[in-house]
C-alpha cells in the first residue's frame, strides 16, 4: 500500500487510523478496499479541491456519455473472464474466490445502479448492490425487476448494512432524522448519482413528499463515503449519508444510524455463466464464506438465501 501511494509505511498506518484512508481489520491484518484506495490516490494526484472535483466530474461525464464505458468489460470478455461489479469489499472477496476456483474473473468498481444496468446490457455477470426502495421497503429486488426486465437472474442475500448520517462529533446541529435535512441552514455533502447512499437519500426524500433540490448542498457531490466524512469533519458540510462501516474508525466524525440496507449479489443465468452461478450459490451458502464475513463483523444469519430468481 505504501508503494502504491508513494508514501511511507507509517503514513499508511496513520492515515488508516485517522480515517483519511479507509481500511478494515481481520484479526491483526489491516486490509483495504481497492475502490477506496483508487479514490484516495486520485485525490492525492489532483491535490483535492476544485481540481479533484473537475477530474471526478470529467470521469463521470465520460462514463455517462459512453453509456457506462463498456469497453473494459468487453475487453475482459474477449479474454474469457467473467465480470463482477461492486464497490463493497465483499465483491473483492467473491472475485478472489472465483479466480481461486479457476473461474477467471475481473472485478470492476461501479455504482450500484449502473452495475444492474450493465448486467441487463450484458457487459457484466455479477452485480453486488445495496439499493433501497421506499415503496416496498425492500432492497435490490425492486431495482432488479425494473432494470433487468425479462432477464434470467438470481439474487442472493449477502449481509445487512447500516446507513445513516455522518455528522460532527457531538452532533451539534441535532441532525437525527431524514426530515432534519429539510431544515433551513443544514448543509449536505451529497454522493454521486447511482450510488447506494444517493439512492437511499432520494428515496427517503420522496417518501416525505418533499423535493431534494432545495436541500442546501444537494447539487454538490462527493466521490464516496470517505470524501463525505472529510467534508463534514472539515466543517464544509453538516451532514452526509454514508454506510456505517466506512466511517467506523474515523475519530473526526460521528455516525447516526437510520436504515438497514441489504447487500445482495445478482448473477445472470446463461449457458456461459452456468458454472459461475453454481459457484456463487455454493459459496454464499458455505460455512467457509460465512466465516470470512464474520471476521469482517458481518451478520450472516441470512447469507446465502435466494431472495429473487427469474
C-alpha atoms as a PDB file:
ATOM      1  CA  UNK A   1       0.000   0.000   0.000  1.00  0.00           C
ATOM      2  CA  UNK A   2       2.845   2.362   0.809  1.00  0.00           C
ATOM      3  CA  UNK A   3       4.366   1.671  -2.610  1.00  0.00           C
ATOM      4  CA  UNK A   4       1.068   2.223  -4.404  1.00  0.00           C
ATOM      5  CA  UNK A   5       0.525   5.610  -2.767  1.00  0.00           C
ATOM      6  CA  UNK A   6       4.212   6.587  -2.760  1.00  0.00           C
ATOM      7  CA  UNK A   7       4.163   7.320   0.964  1.00  0.00           C
ATOM      8  CA  UNK A   8       5.885   5.742   3.961  1.00  0.00           C
ATOM      9  CA  UNK A   9       4.537   2.691   5.768  1.00  0.00           C
ATOM     10  CA  UNK A  10       3.992   4.678   8.957  1.00  0.00           C
ATOM     11  CA  UNK A  11       1.987   7.225   6.954  1.00  0.00           C
ATOM     12  CA  UNK A  12      -0.295   4.429   5.771  1.00  0.00           C
ATOM     13  CA  UNK A  13      -0.990   3.378   9.364  1.00  0.00           C
ATOM     14  CA  UNK A  14      -1.528   6.975  10.468  1.00  0.00           C
ATOM     15  CA  UNK A  15      -3.980   7.741   7.660  1.00  0.00           C
ATOM     16  CA  UNK A  16      -5.848   4.477   8.226  1.00  0.00           C
ATOM     17  CA  UNK A  17      -6.101   5.214  11.949  1.00  0.00           C
ATOM     18  CA  UNK A  18      -7.428   8.743  11.360  1.00  0.00           C
ATOM     19  CA  UNK A  19      -9.969   7.510   8.814  1.00  0.00           C
ATOM     20  CA  UNK A  20      -8.429   9.542   5.998  1.00  0.00           C
ATOM     21  CA  UNK A  21      -7.664   6.249   4.221  1.00  0.00           C
ATOM     22  CA  UNK A  22     -10.499   3.736   4.661  1.00  0.00           C
ATOM     23  CA  UNK A  23      -9.464   0.319   5.966  1.00  0.00           C
ATOM     24  CA  UNK A  24     -10.773  -2.849   7.606  1.00  0.00           C
ATOM     25  CA  UNK A  25      -9.306  -5.260  10.096  1.00  0.00           C
ATOM     26  CA  UNK A  26      -9.433  -9.053  10.127  1.00  0.00           C
ATOM     27  CA  UNK A  27      -7.640 -10.084  13.282  1.00  0.00           C
ATOM     28  CA  UNK A  28      -4.309  -8.257  13.171  1.00  0.00           C
ATOM     29  CA  UNK A  29      -4.408  -7.710   9.407  1.00  0.00           C
ATOM     30  CA  UNK A  30      -5.137  -4.242   8.021  1.00  0.00           C
ATOM     31  CA  UNK A  31      -6.997  -4.535   4.716  1.00  0.00           C
ATOM     32  CA  UNK A  32      -8.022  -2.003   2.095  1.00  0.00           C
ATOM     33  CA  UNK A  33     -10.826  -1.860  -0.473  1.00  0.00           C
ATOM     34  CA  UNK A  34      -9.271  -1.139  -3.870  1.00  0.00           C
ATOM     35  CA  UNK A  35     -12.032   1.342  -4.819  1.00  0.00           C
ATOM     36  CA  UNK A  36     -11.319   3.413  -1.691  1.00  0.00           C
ATOM     37  CA  UNK A  37      -7.582   3.384  -2.378  1.00  0.00           C
ATOM     38  CA  UNK A  38      -8.053   4.429  -6.013  1.00  0.00           C
ATOM     39  CA  UNK A  39     -10.330   7.301  -4.955  1.00  0.00           C
ATOM     40  CA  UNK A  40      -7.800   8.374  -2.334  1.00  0.00           C
ATOM     41  CA  UNK A  41      -4.944   8.178  -4.826  1.00  0.00           C
ATOM     42  CA  UNK A  42      -6.947  10.349  -7.237  1.00  0.00           C
ATOM     43  CA  UNK A  43      -7.451  12.968  -4.531  1.00  0.00           C
ATOM     44  CA  UNK A  44      -3.690  12.991  -3.907  1.00  0.00           C
ATOM     45  CA  UNK A  45      -2.903  13.180  -7.604  1.00  0.00           C
ATOM     46  CA  UNK A  46      -5.130  16.204  -8.186  1.00  0.00           C
ATOM     47  CA  UNK A  47      -4.379  17.814  -4.856  1.00  0.00           C
ATOM     48  CA  UNK A  48      -8.020  17.855  -3.723  1.00  0.00           C
ATOM     49  CA  UNK A  49     -10.257  20.875  -4.030  1.00  0.00           C
ATOM     50  CA  UNK A  50     -11.601  22.143  -7.337  1.00  0.00           C
ATOM     51  CA  UNK A  51      -9.093  20.229  -9.485  1.00  0.00           C
ATOM     52  CA  UNK A  52     -10.080  16.923  -7.939  1.00  0.00           C
ATOM     53  CA  UNK A  53     -13.772  17.783  -8.336  1.00  0.00           C
ATOM     54  CA  UNK A  54     -13.249  18.680 -12.004  1.00  0.00           C
ATOM     55  CA  UNK A  55     -11.329  15.453 -12.644  1.00  0.00           C
ATOM     56  CA  UNK A  56     -14.052  13.381 -10.973  1.00  0.00           C
ATOM     57  CA  UNK A  57     -16.757  15.262 -12.888  1.00  0.00           C
ATOM     58  CA  UNK A  58     -14.946  14.702 -16.187  1.00  0.00           C
ATOM     59  CA  UNK A  59     -14.619  10.987 -15.466  1.00  0.00           C
ATOM     60  CA  UNK A  60     -18.311  10.803 -14.544  1.00  0.00           C
ATOM     61  CA  UNK A  61     -19.358  12.717 -17.689  1.00  0.00           C
ATOM     62  CA  UNK A  62     -17.249  10.409 -19.854  1.00  0.00           C
ATOM     63  CA  UNK A  63     -18.911   7.408 -18.208  1.00  0.00           C
ATOM     64  CA  UNK A  64     -22.390   8.813 -18.907  1.00  0.00           C
ATOM     65  CA  UNK A  65     -21.595   9.800 -22.497  1.00  0.00           C
ATOM     66  CA  UNK A  66     -20.291   6.334 -23.340  1.00  0.00           C
ATOM     67  CA  UNK A  67     -23.254   4.592 -21.752  1.00  0.00           C
ATOM     68  CA  UNK A  68     -21.161   3.353 -18.857  1.00  0.00           C
ATOM     69  CA  UNK A  69     -17.937   2.868 -20.798  1.00  0.00           C
ATOM     70  CA  UNK A  70     -18.448  -0.844 -21.507  1.00  0.00           C
ATOM     71  CA  UNK A  71     -15.183  -1.147 -23.428  1.00  0.00           C
ATOM     72  CA  UNK A  72     -13.207  -2.507 -20.470  1.00  0.00           C
ATOM     73  CA  UNK A  73     -15.881  -5.097 -19.750  1.00  0.00           C
ATOM     74  CA  UNK A  74     -15.826  -6.177 -23.399  1.00  0.00           C
ATOM     75  CA  UNK A  75     -12.062  -6.433 -23.200  1.00  0.00           C
ATOM     76  CA  UNK A  76     -12.339  -8.696 -20.182  1.00  0.00           C
ATOM     77  CA  UNK A  77     -14.849 -10.860 -22.030  1.00  0.00           C
ATOM     78  CA  UNK A  78     -12.565 -11.182 -25.024  1.00  0.00           C
ATOM     79  CA  UNK A  79     -10.102 -12.722 -22.625  1.00  0.00           C
ATOM     80  CA  UNK A  80     -12.802 -15.121 -21.440  1.00  0.00           C
ATOM     81  CA  UNK A  81     -13.098 -13.634 -17.944  1.00  0.00           C
ATOM     82  CA  UNK A  82     -16.329 -13.085 -16.086  1.00  0.00           C
ATOM     83  CA  UNK A  83     -17.065  -9.521 -14.959  1.00  0.00           C
ATOM     84  CA  UNK A  84     -18.001  -8.807 -11.345  1.00  0.00           C
ATOM     85  CA  UNK A  85     -19.175  -5.303 -10.401  1.00  0.00           C
ATOM     86  CA  UNK A  86     -19.440  -3.710  -6.967  1.00  0.00           C
ATOM     87  CA  UNK A  87     -17.830  -1.278  -4.551  1.00  0.00           C
ATOM     88  CA  UNK A  88     -18.231  -3.310  -1.353  1.00  0.00           C
ATOM     89  CA  UNK A  89     -15.264  -5.302  -0.029  1.00  0.00           C
ATOM     90  CA  UNK A  90     -17.340  -8.500  -0.333  1.00  0.00           C
ATOM     91  CA  UNK A  91     -17.294  -8.137  -4.117  1.00  0.00           C
ATOM     92  CA  UNK A  92     -13.491  -8.201  -3.866  1.00  0.00           C
ATOM     93  CA  UNK A  93     -13.666 -11.388  -1.815  1.00  0.00           C
ATOM     94  CA  UNK A  94     -16.090 -13.026  -4.246  1.00  0.00           C
ATOM     95  CA  UNK A  95     -13.877 -12.207  -7.225  1.00  0.00           C
ATOM     96  CA  UNK A  96     -10.824 -13.654  -5.498  1.00  0.00           C
ATOM     97  CA  UNK A  97     -12.707 -16.846  -4.677  1.00  0.00           C
ATOM     98  CA  UNK A  98     -13.925 -17.207  -8.273  1.00  0.00           C
ATOM     99  CA  UNK A  99     -10.368 -16.872  -9.564  1.00  0.00           C
ATOM    100  CA  UNK A 100      -9.098 -19.352  -6.968  1.00  0.00           C
ATOM    101  CA  UNK A 101     -11.731 -21.820  -8.197  1.00  0.00           C
ATOM    102  CA  UNK A 102     -10.498 -21.493 -11.788  1.00  0.00           C
ATOM    103  CA  UNK A 103     -13.307 -19.181 -12.916  1.00  0.00           C
ATOM    104  CA  UNK A 104     -11.293 -16.269 -14.324  1.00  0.00           C
ATOM    105  CA  UNK A 105     -12.969 -13.088 -13.129  1.00  0.00           C
ATOM    106  CA  UNK A 106     -12.336  -9.370 -13.436  1.00  0.00           C
ATOM    107  CA  UNK A 107     -13.583  -7.150 -10.619  1.00  0.00           C
ATOM    108  CA  UNK A 108     -14.581  -3.610 -11.607  1.00  0.00           C
ATOM    109  CA  UNK A 109     -15.796  -0.789  -9.379  1.00  0.00           C
ATOM    110  CA  UNK A 110     -19.114   0.651 -10.464  1.00  0.00           C
ATOM    111  CA  UNK A 111     -22.072   2.342  -8.794  1.00  0.00           C
ATOM    112  CA  UNK A 112     -24.887   0.077  -7.641  1.00  0.00           C
ATOM    113  CA  UNK A 113     -27.431   1.405 -10.125  1.00  0.00           C
ATOM    114  CA  UNK A 114     -25.060   1.229 -13.083  1.00  0.00           C
ATOM    115  CA  UNK A 115     -23.978  -2.276 -12.057  1.00  0.00           C
ATOM    116  CA  UNK A 116     -27.516  -3.609 -12.525  1.00  0.00           C
ATOM    117  CA  UNK A 117     -27.881  -1.720 -15.812  1.00  0.00           C
ATOM    118  CA  UNK A 118     -24.691  -3.326 -17.125  1.00  0.00           C
ATOM    119  CA  UNK A 119     -25.980  -6.710 -16.043  1.00  0.00           C
ATOM    120  CA  UNK A 120     -29.044  -6.132 -18.231  1.00  0.00           C
ATOM    121  CA  UNK A 121     -26.992  -4.961 -21.226  1.00  0.00           C
ATOM    122  CA  UNK A 122     -24.722  -7.991 -20.960  1.00  0.00           C
ATOM    123  CA  UNK A 123     -21.464  -6.245 -20.058  1.00  0.00           C
ATOM    124  CA  UNK A 124     -21.335  -7.832 -16.568  1.00  0.00           C
ATOM    125  CA  UNK A 125     -22.112 -11.180 -14.968  1.00  0.00           C
ATOM    126  CA  UNK A 126     -22.470 -10.431 -11.235  1.00  0.00           C
ATOM    127  CA  UNK A 127     -23.548  -7.167  -9.589  1.00  0.00           C
ATOM    128  CA  UNK A 128     -23.174  -6.544  -5.847  1.00  0.00           C
ATOM    129  CA  UNK A 129     -25.710  -3.883  -4.855  1.00  0.00           C
ATOM    130  CA  UNK A 130     -27.343  -2.292  -1.799  1.00  0.00           C
ATOM    131  CA  UNK A 131     -30.279  -0.328  -3.183  1.00  0.00           C
ATOM    132  CA  UNK A 132     -33.289   0.669  -1.072  1.00  0.00           C
ATOM    133  CA  UNK A 133     -36.822   1.136  -2.440  1.00  0.00           C
ATOM    134  CA  UNK A 134     -39.161   3.144  -0.187  1.00  0.00           C
ATOM    135  CA  UNK A 135     -42.407   1.988  -1.810  1.00  0.00           C
ATOM    136  CA  UNK A 136     -41.859  -1.664  -0.957  1.00  0.00           C
ATOM    137  CA  UNK A 137     -39.425  -1.098   1.940  1.00  0.00           C
ATOM    138  CA  UNK A 138     -37.312  -3.740   0.209  1.00  0.00           C
ATOM    139  CA  UNK A 139     -33.770  -3.834  -1.123  1.00  0.00           C
ATOM    140  CA  UNK A 140     -32.332  -4.624  -4.568  1.00  0.00           C
ATOM    141  CA  UNK A 141     -35.131  -6.852  -5.893  1.00  0.00           C
ATOM    142  CA  UNK A 142     -37.382  -3.914  -6.960  1.00  0.00           C
ATOM    143  CA  UNK A 143     -34.416  -2.481  -8.863  1.00  0.00           C
ATOM    144  CA  UNK A 144     -33.558  -5.835 -10.448  1.00  0.00           C
ATOM    145  CA  UNK A 145     -37.133  -6.117 -11.685  1.00  0.00           C
ATOM    146  CA  UNK A 146     -37.039  -2.584 -13.146  1.00  0.00           C
ATOM    147  CA  UNK A 147     -33.519  -2.511 -14.536  1.00  0.00           C
ATOM    148  CA  UNK A 148     -33.329  -6.076 -15.843  1.00  0.00           C
ATOM    149  CA  UNK A 149     -36.846  -6.841 -17.118  1.00  0.00           C
ATOM    150  CA  UNK A 150     -37.109 -10.236 -18.752  1.00  0.00           C
ATOM    151  CA  UNK A 151     -33.549 -11.197 -17.845  1.00  0.00           C
ATOM    152  CA  UNK A 152     -32.883 -14.579 -16.267  1.00  0.00           C
ATOM    153  CA  UNK A 153     -31.133 -13.777 -12.988  1.00  0.00           C
ATOM    154  CA  UNK A 154     -30.708 -14.926  -9.410  1.00  0.00           C
ATOM    155  CA  UNK A 155     -30.331 -12.548  -6.461  1.00  0.00           C
ATOM    156  CA  UNK A 156     -28.572 -13.926  -3.384  1.00  0.00           C
ATOM    157  CA  UNK A 157     -28.591 -12.273   0.031  1.00  0.00           C
ATOM    158  CA  UNK A 158     -25.166 -11.436   1.432  1.00  0.00           C
ATOM    159  CA  UNK A 159     -25.287  -9.242   4.553  1.00  0.00           C
ATOM    160  CA  UNK A 160     -27.023  -6.220   6.092  1.00  0.00           C
ATOM    161  CA  UNK A 161     -25.505  -2.761   6.036  1.00  0.00           C
ATOM    162  CA  UNK A 162     -26.429   0.141   8.303  1.00  0.00           C
ATOM    163  CA  UNK A 163     -26.766   3.504   6.562  1.00  0.00           C
ATOM    164  CA  UNK A 164     -27.289   6.844   8.217  1.00  0.00           C
ATOM    165  CA  UNK A 165     -25.816  10.275   8.788  1.00  0.00           C
ATOM    166  CA  UNK A 166     -22.221  11.240   9.331  1.00  0.00           C
ATOM    167  CA  UNK A 167     -22.125  14.391  11.489  1.00  0.00           C
ATOM    168  CA  UNK A 168     -19.627  16.381  13.521  1.00  0.00           C
ATOM    169  CA  UNK A 169     -18.690  14.905  16.936  1.00  0.00           C
ATOM    170  CA  UNK A 170     -21.482  15.530  19.421  1.00  0.00           C
ATOM    171  CA  UNK A 171     -23.918  16.170  16.546  1.00  0.00           C
ATOM    172  CA  UNK A 172     -24.118  19.928  17.314  1.00  0.00           C
ATOM    173  CA  UNK A 173     -26.891  20.536  14.755  1.00  0.00           C
ATOM    174  CA  UNK A 174     -29.008  17.711  16.246  1.00  0.00           C
ATOM    175  CA  UNK A 175     -29.485  16.062  12.860  1.00  0.00           C
ATOM    176  CA  UNK A 176     -31.106  12.739  13.705  1.00  0.00           C
ATOM    177  CA  UNK A 177     -33.940  12.188  11.191  1.00  0.00           C
ATOM    178  CA  UNK A 178     -34.453  12.408   7.447  1.00  0.00           C
ATOM    179  CA  UNK A 179     -36.712  15.408   7.966  1.00  0.00           C
ATOM    180  CA  UNK A 180     -33.804  17.312   9.521  1.00  0.00           C
ATOM    181  CA  UNK A 181     -32.256  17.595   6.050  1.00  0.00           C
ATOM    182  CA  UNK A 182     -35.089  19.900   5.057  1.00  0.00           C
ATOM    183  CA  UNK A 183     -34.298  22.413   7.810  1.00  0.00           C
ATOM    184  CA  UNK A 184     -33.009  25.793   6.713  1.00  0.00           C
ATOM    185  CA  UNK A 185     -29.266  26.171   7.201  1.00  0.00           C
ATOM    186  CA  UNK A 186     -28.418  22.449   7.163  1.00  0.00           C
ATOM    187  CA  UNK A 187     -25.768  21.771   4.518  1.00  0.00           C
ATOM    188  CA  UNK A 188     -25.493  18.339   2.889  1.00  0.00           C
ATOM    189  CA  UNK A 189     -22.440  16.619   1.416  1.00  0.00           C
ATOM    190  CA  UNK A 190     -24.151  14.505  -1.243  1.00  0.00           C
ATOM    191  CA  UNK A 191     -22.933  11.407  -3.096  1.00  0.00           C
ATOM    192  CA  UNK A 192     -22.765  10.707  -6.818  1.00  0.00           C
ATOM    193  CA  UNK A 193     -25.690   9.515  -8.902  1.00  0.00           C
ATOM    194  CA  UNK A 194     -26.270   5.774  -8.832  1.00  0.00           C
ATOM    195  CA  UNK A 195     -24.552   5.158  -5.501  1.00  0.00           C
ATOM    196  CA  UNK A 196     -26.404   3.313  -2.751  1.00  0.00           C
ATOM    197  CA  UNK A 197     -26.252   6.321  -0.416  1.00  0.00           C
ATOM    198  CA  UNK A 198     -27.573   8.735  -3.063  1.00  0.00           C
ATOM    199  CA  UNK A 199     -30.477   6.483  -3.978  1.00  0.00           C
ATOM    200  CA  UNK A 200     -31.339   5.917  -0.299  1.00  0.00           C
ATOM    201  CA  UNK A 201     -31.397   9.679   0.266  1.00  0.00           C
ATOM    202  CA  UNK A 202     -33.563  10.336  -2.786  1.00  0.00           C
ATOM    203  CA  UNK A 203     -35.972   7.546  -1.839  1.00  0.00           C
ATOM    204  CA  UNK A 204     -36.358   8.957   1.682  1.00  0.00           C
ATOM    205  CA  UNK A 205     -36.972  12.473   0.358  1.00  0.00           C
ATOM    206  CA  UNK A 206     -39.659  11.129  -1.984  1.00  0.00           C
ATOM    207  CA  UNK A 207     -41.284   9.248   0.913  1.00  0.00           C
ATOM    208  CA  UNK A 208     -41.632  12.596   2.729  1.00  0.00           C
ATOM    209  CA  UNK A 209     -43.383  14.126  -0.322  1.00  0.00           C
ATOM    210  CA  UNK A 210     -40.539  16.614  -0.490  1.00  0.00           C
ATOM    211  CA  UNK A 211     -38.108  17.770  -3.163  1.00  0.00           C
ATOM    212  CA  UNK A 212     -34.387  17.180  -2.887  1.00  0.00           C
ATOM    213  CA  UNK A 213     -33.123  20.136  -4.943  1.00  0.00           C
ATOM    214  CA  UNK A 214     -33.819  22.805  -2.273  1.00  0.00           C
ATOM    215  CA  UNK A 215     -31.604  20.967   0.242  1.00  0.00           C
ATOM    216  CA  UNK A 216     -28.509  23.101   0.660  1.00  0.00           C
ATOM    217  CA  UNK A 217     -25.511  21.288  -0.852  1.00  0.00           C
ATOM    218  CA  UNK A 218     -27.603  18.696  -2.703  1.00  0.00           C
ATOM    219  CA  UNK A 219     -26.077  19.558  -6.086  1.00  0.00           C
ATOM    220  CA  UNK A 220     -22.502  19.226  -4.769  1.00  0.00           C
ATOM    221  CA  UNK A 221     -21.409  15.590  -4.904  1.00  0.00           C
ATOM    222  CA  UNK A 222     -18.557  13.662  -3.330  1.00  0.00           C
ATOM    223  CA  UNK A 223     -16.929  10.548  -4.766  1.00  0.00           C
ATOM    224  CA  UNK A 224     -17.514   8.211  -1.815  1.00  0.00           C
ATOM    225  CA  UNK A 225     -18.266   7.851   1.907  1.00  0.00           C
ATOM    226  CA  UNK A 226     -14.769   8.906   2.939  1.00  0.00           C
ATOM    227  CA  UNK A 227     -14.968  12.117   0.921  1.00  0.00           C
ATOM    228  CA  UNK A 228     -18.315  12.918   2.552  1.00  0.00           C
ATOM    229  CA  UNK A 229     -16.855  12.305   6.014  1.00  0.00           C
ATOM    230  CA  UNK A 230     -13.894  14.563   5.217  1.00  0.00           C
ATOM    231  CA  UNK A 231     -16.205  17.429   4.251  1.00  0.00           C
ATOM    232  CA  UNK A 232     -18.234  17.029   7.439  1.00  0.00           C
ATOM    233  CA  UNK A 233     -15.086  16.807   9.573  1.00  0.00           C
ATOM    234  CA  UNK A 234     -13.743  19.972   7.915  1.00  0.00           C
ATOM    235  CA  UNK A 235     -16.971  21.858   8.590  1.00  0.00           C
ATOM    236  CA  UNK A 236     -17.733  22.273   4.874  1.00  0.00           C
ATOM    237  CA  UNK A 237     -20.985  20.364   5.359  1.00  0.00           C
ATOM    238  CA  UNK A 238     -23.141  19.498   8.356  1.00  0.00           C
ATOM    239  CA  UNK A 239     -24.255  16.034   7.287  1.00  0.00           C
ATOM    240  CA  UNK A 240     -23.914  13.305   4.685  1.00  0.00           C
ATOM    241  CA  UNK A 241     -25.429   9.888   4.032  1.00  0.00           C
ATOM    242  CA  UNK A 242     -22.925   7.033   4.382  1.00  0.00           C
ATOM    243  CA  UNK A 243     -22.579   3.374   5.301  1.00  0.00           C
ATOM    244  CA  UNK A 244     -21.571   2.914   8.935  1.00  0.00           C
ATOM    245  CA  UNK A 245     -18.647   0.588   8.207  1.00  0.00           C
ATOM    246  CA  UNK A 246     -16.993   3.276   6.079  1.00  0.00           C
ATOM    247  CA  UNK A 247     -16.640   5.717   8.980  1.00  0.00           C
ATOM    248  CA  UNK A 248     -16.487   3.322  11.927  1.00  0.00           C
ATOM    249  CA  UNK A 249     -12.839   4.137  12.689  1.00  0.00           C
ATOM    250  CA  UNK A 250     -12.901   7.840  11.888  1.00  0.00           C
ATOM    251  CA  UNK A 251     -12.484   9.786  15.154  1.00  0.00           C
ATOM    252  CA  UNK A 252     -13.292  13.098  13.478  1.00  0.00           C
ATOM    253  CA  UNK A 253     -16.960  12.351  12.826  1.00  0.00           C
ATOM    254  CA  UNK A 254     -19.951  10.665  14.453  1.00  0.00           C
ATOM    255  CA  UNK A 255     -22.477   8.272  12.915  1.00  0.00           C
ATOM    256  CA  UNK A 256     -26.276   8.380  13.322  1.00  0.00           C
ATOM    257  CA  UNK A 257     -27.868   5.034  12.259  1.00  0.00           C
ATOM    258  CA  UNK A 258     -31.127   5.311  10.309  1.00  0.00           C
ATOM    259  CA  UNK A 259     -31.704   2.474   7.840  1.00  0.00           C
ATOM    260  CA  UNK A 260     -30.709  -1.155   7.313  1.00  0.00           C
ATOM    261  CA  UNK A 261     -29.973  -1.890   3.657  1.00  0.00           C
ATOM    262  CA  UNK A 262     -29.128  -5.351   2.352  1.00  0.00           C
ATOM    263  CA  UNK A 263     -26.069  -6.141   0.282  1.00  0.00           C
ATOM    264  CA  UNK A 264     -27.076  -8.718  -2.342  1.00  0.00           C
ATOM    265  CA  UNK A 265     -25.396 -10.340  -5.339  1.00  0.00           C
ATOM    266  CA  UNK A 266     -27.335 -10.655  -8.603  1.00  0.00           C
ATOM    267  CA  UNK A 267     -25.964 -13.035 -11.225  1.00  0.00           C
ATOM    268  CA  UNK A 268     -27.137 -13.584 -14.801  1.00  0.00           C
ATOM    269  CA  UNK A 269     -28.176 -17.134 -15.676  1.00  0.00           C
ATOM    270  CA  UNK A 270     -26.987 -18.197 -19.116  1.00  0.00           C
ATOM    271  CA  UNK A 271     -25.254 -21.213 -20.564  1.00  0.00           C
ATOM    272  CA  UNK A 272     -21.987 -19.275 -20.334  1.00  0.00           C
ATOM    273  CA  UNK A 273     -22.431 -18.450 -16.639  1.00  0.00           C
ATOM    274  CA  UNK A 274     -23.715 -21.851 -15.508  1.00  0.00           C
ATOM    275  CA  UNK A 275     -20.548 -22.668 -13.531  1.00  0.00           C
ATOM    276  CA  UNK A 276     -20.385 -19.105 -12.165  1.00  0.00           C
ATOM    277  CA  UNK A 277     -23.951 -19.282 -10.839  1.00  0.00           C
ATOM    278  CA  UNK A 278     -23.299 -22.664  -9.247  1.00  0.00           C
ATOM    279  CA  UNK A 279     -20.117 -21.419  -7.580  1.00  0.00           C
ATOM    280  CA  UNK A 280     -21.721 -18.213  -6.278  1.00  0.00           C
ATOM    281  CA  UNK A 281     -24.667 -20.092  -4.807  1.00  0.00           C
ATOM    282  CA  UNK A 282     -22.497 -22.723  -3.128  1.00  0.00           C
ATOM    283  CA  UNK A 283     -20.008 -20.147  -1.880  1.00  0.00           C
ATOM    284  CA  UNK A 284     -22.657 -17.874  -0.374  1.00  0.00           C
ATOM    285  CA  UNK A 285     -24.190 -20.822   1.487  1.00  0.00           C
ATOM    286  CA  UNK A 286     -20.863 -22.271   2.673  1.00  0.00           C
ATOM    287  CA  UNK A 287     -19.551 -22.137   6.229  1.00  0.00           C
ATOM    288  CA  UNK A 288     -16.161 -21.000   4.922  1.00  0.00           C
ATOM    289  CA  UNK A 289     -17.625 -17.922   3.216  1.00  0.00           C
ATOM    290  CA  UNK A 290     -19.729 -17.099   6.249  1.00  0.00           C
ATOM    291  CA  UNK A 291     -16.665 -17.377   8.459  1.00  0.00           C
ATOM    292  CA  UNK A 292     -14.892 -14.830   6.235  1.00  0.00           C
ATOM    293  CA  UNK A 293     -17.828 -12.458   6.624  1.00  0.00           C
ATOM    294  CA  UNK A 294     -17.964 -12.990  10.386  1.00  0.00           C
ATOM    295  CA  UNK A 295     -14.307 -11.958  10.563  1.00  0.00           C
ATOM    296  CA  UNK A 296     -15.390  -8.693   8.954  1.00  0.00           C
ATOM    297  CA  UNK A 297     -18.042  -8.283  11.626  1.00  0.00           C
ATOM    298  CA  UNK A 298     -20.931  -9.252   9.363  1.00  0.00           C
ATOM    299  CA  UNK A 299     -24.325 -10.654  10.392  1.00  0.00           C
ATOM    300  CA  UNK A 300     -24.554 -13.877   8.349  1.00  0.00           C
ATOM    301  CA  UNK A 301     -27.923 -15.218   9.510  1.00  0.00           C
ATOM    302  CA  UNK A 302     -29.459 -14.705   6.047  1.00  0.00           C
ATOM    303  CA  UNK A 303     -26.308 -15.090   3.976  1.00  0.00           C
ATOM    304  CA  UNK A 304     -26.834 -17.392   1.004  1.00  0.00           C
ATOM    305  CA  UNK A 305     -30.632 -17.245   0.884  1.00  0.00           C
ATOM    306  CA  UNK A 306     -32.123 -16.642  -2.556  1.00  0.00           C
ATOM    307  CA  UNK A 307     -34.383 -13.580  -2.474  1.00  0.00           C
ATOM    308  CA  UNK A 308     -35.271 -13.444  -6.164  1.00  0.00           C
ATOM    309  CA  UNK A 309     -34.996 -15.693  -9.200  1.00  0.00           C
ATOM    310  CA  UNK A 310     -36.368 -15.420 -12.705  1.00  0.00           C
END
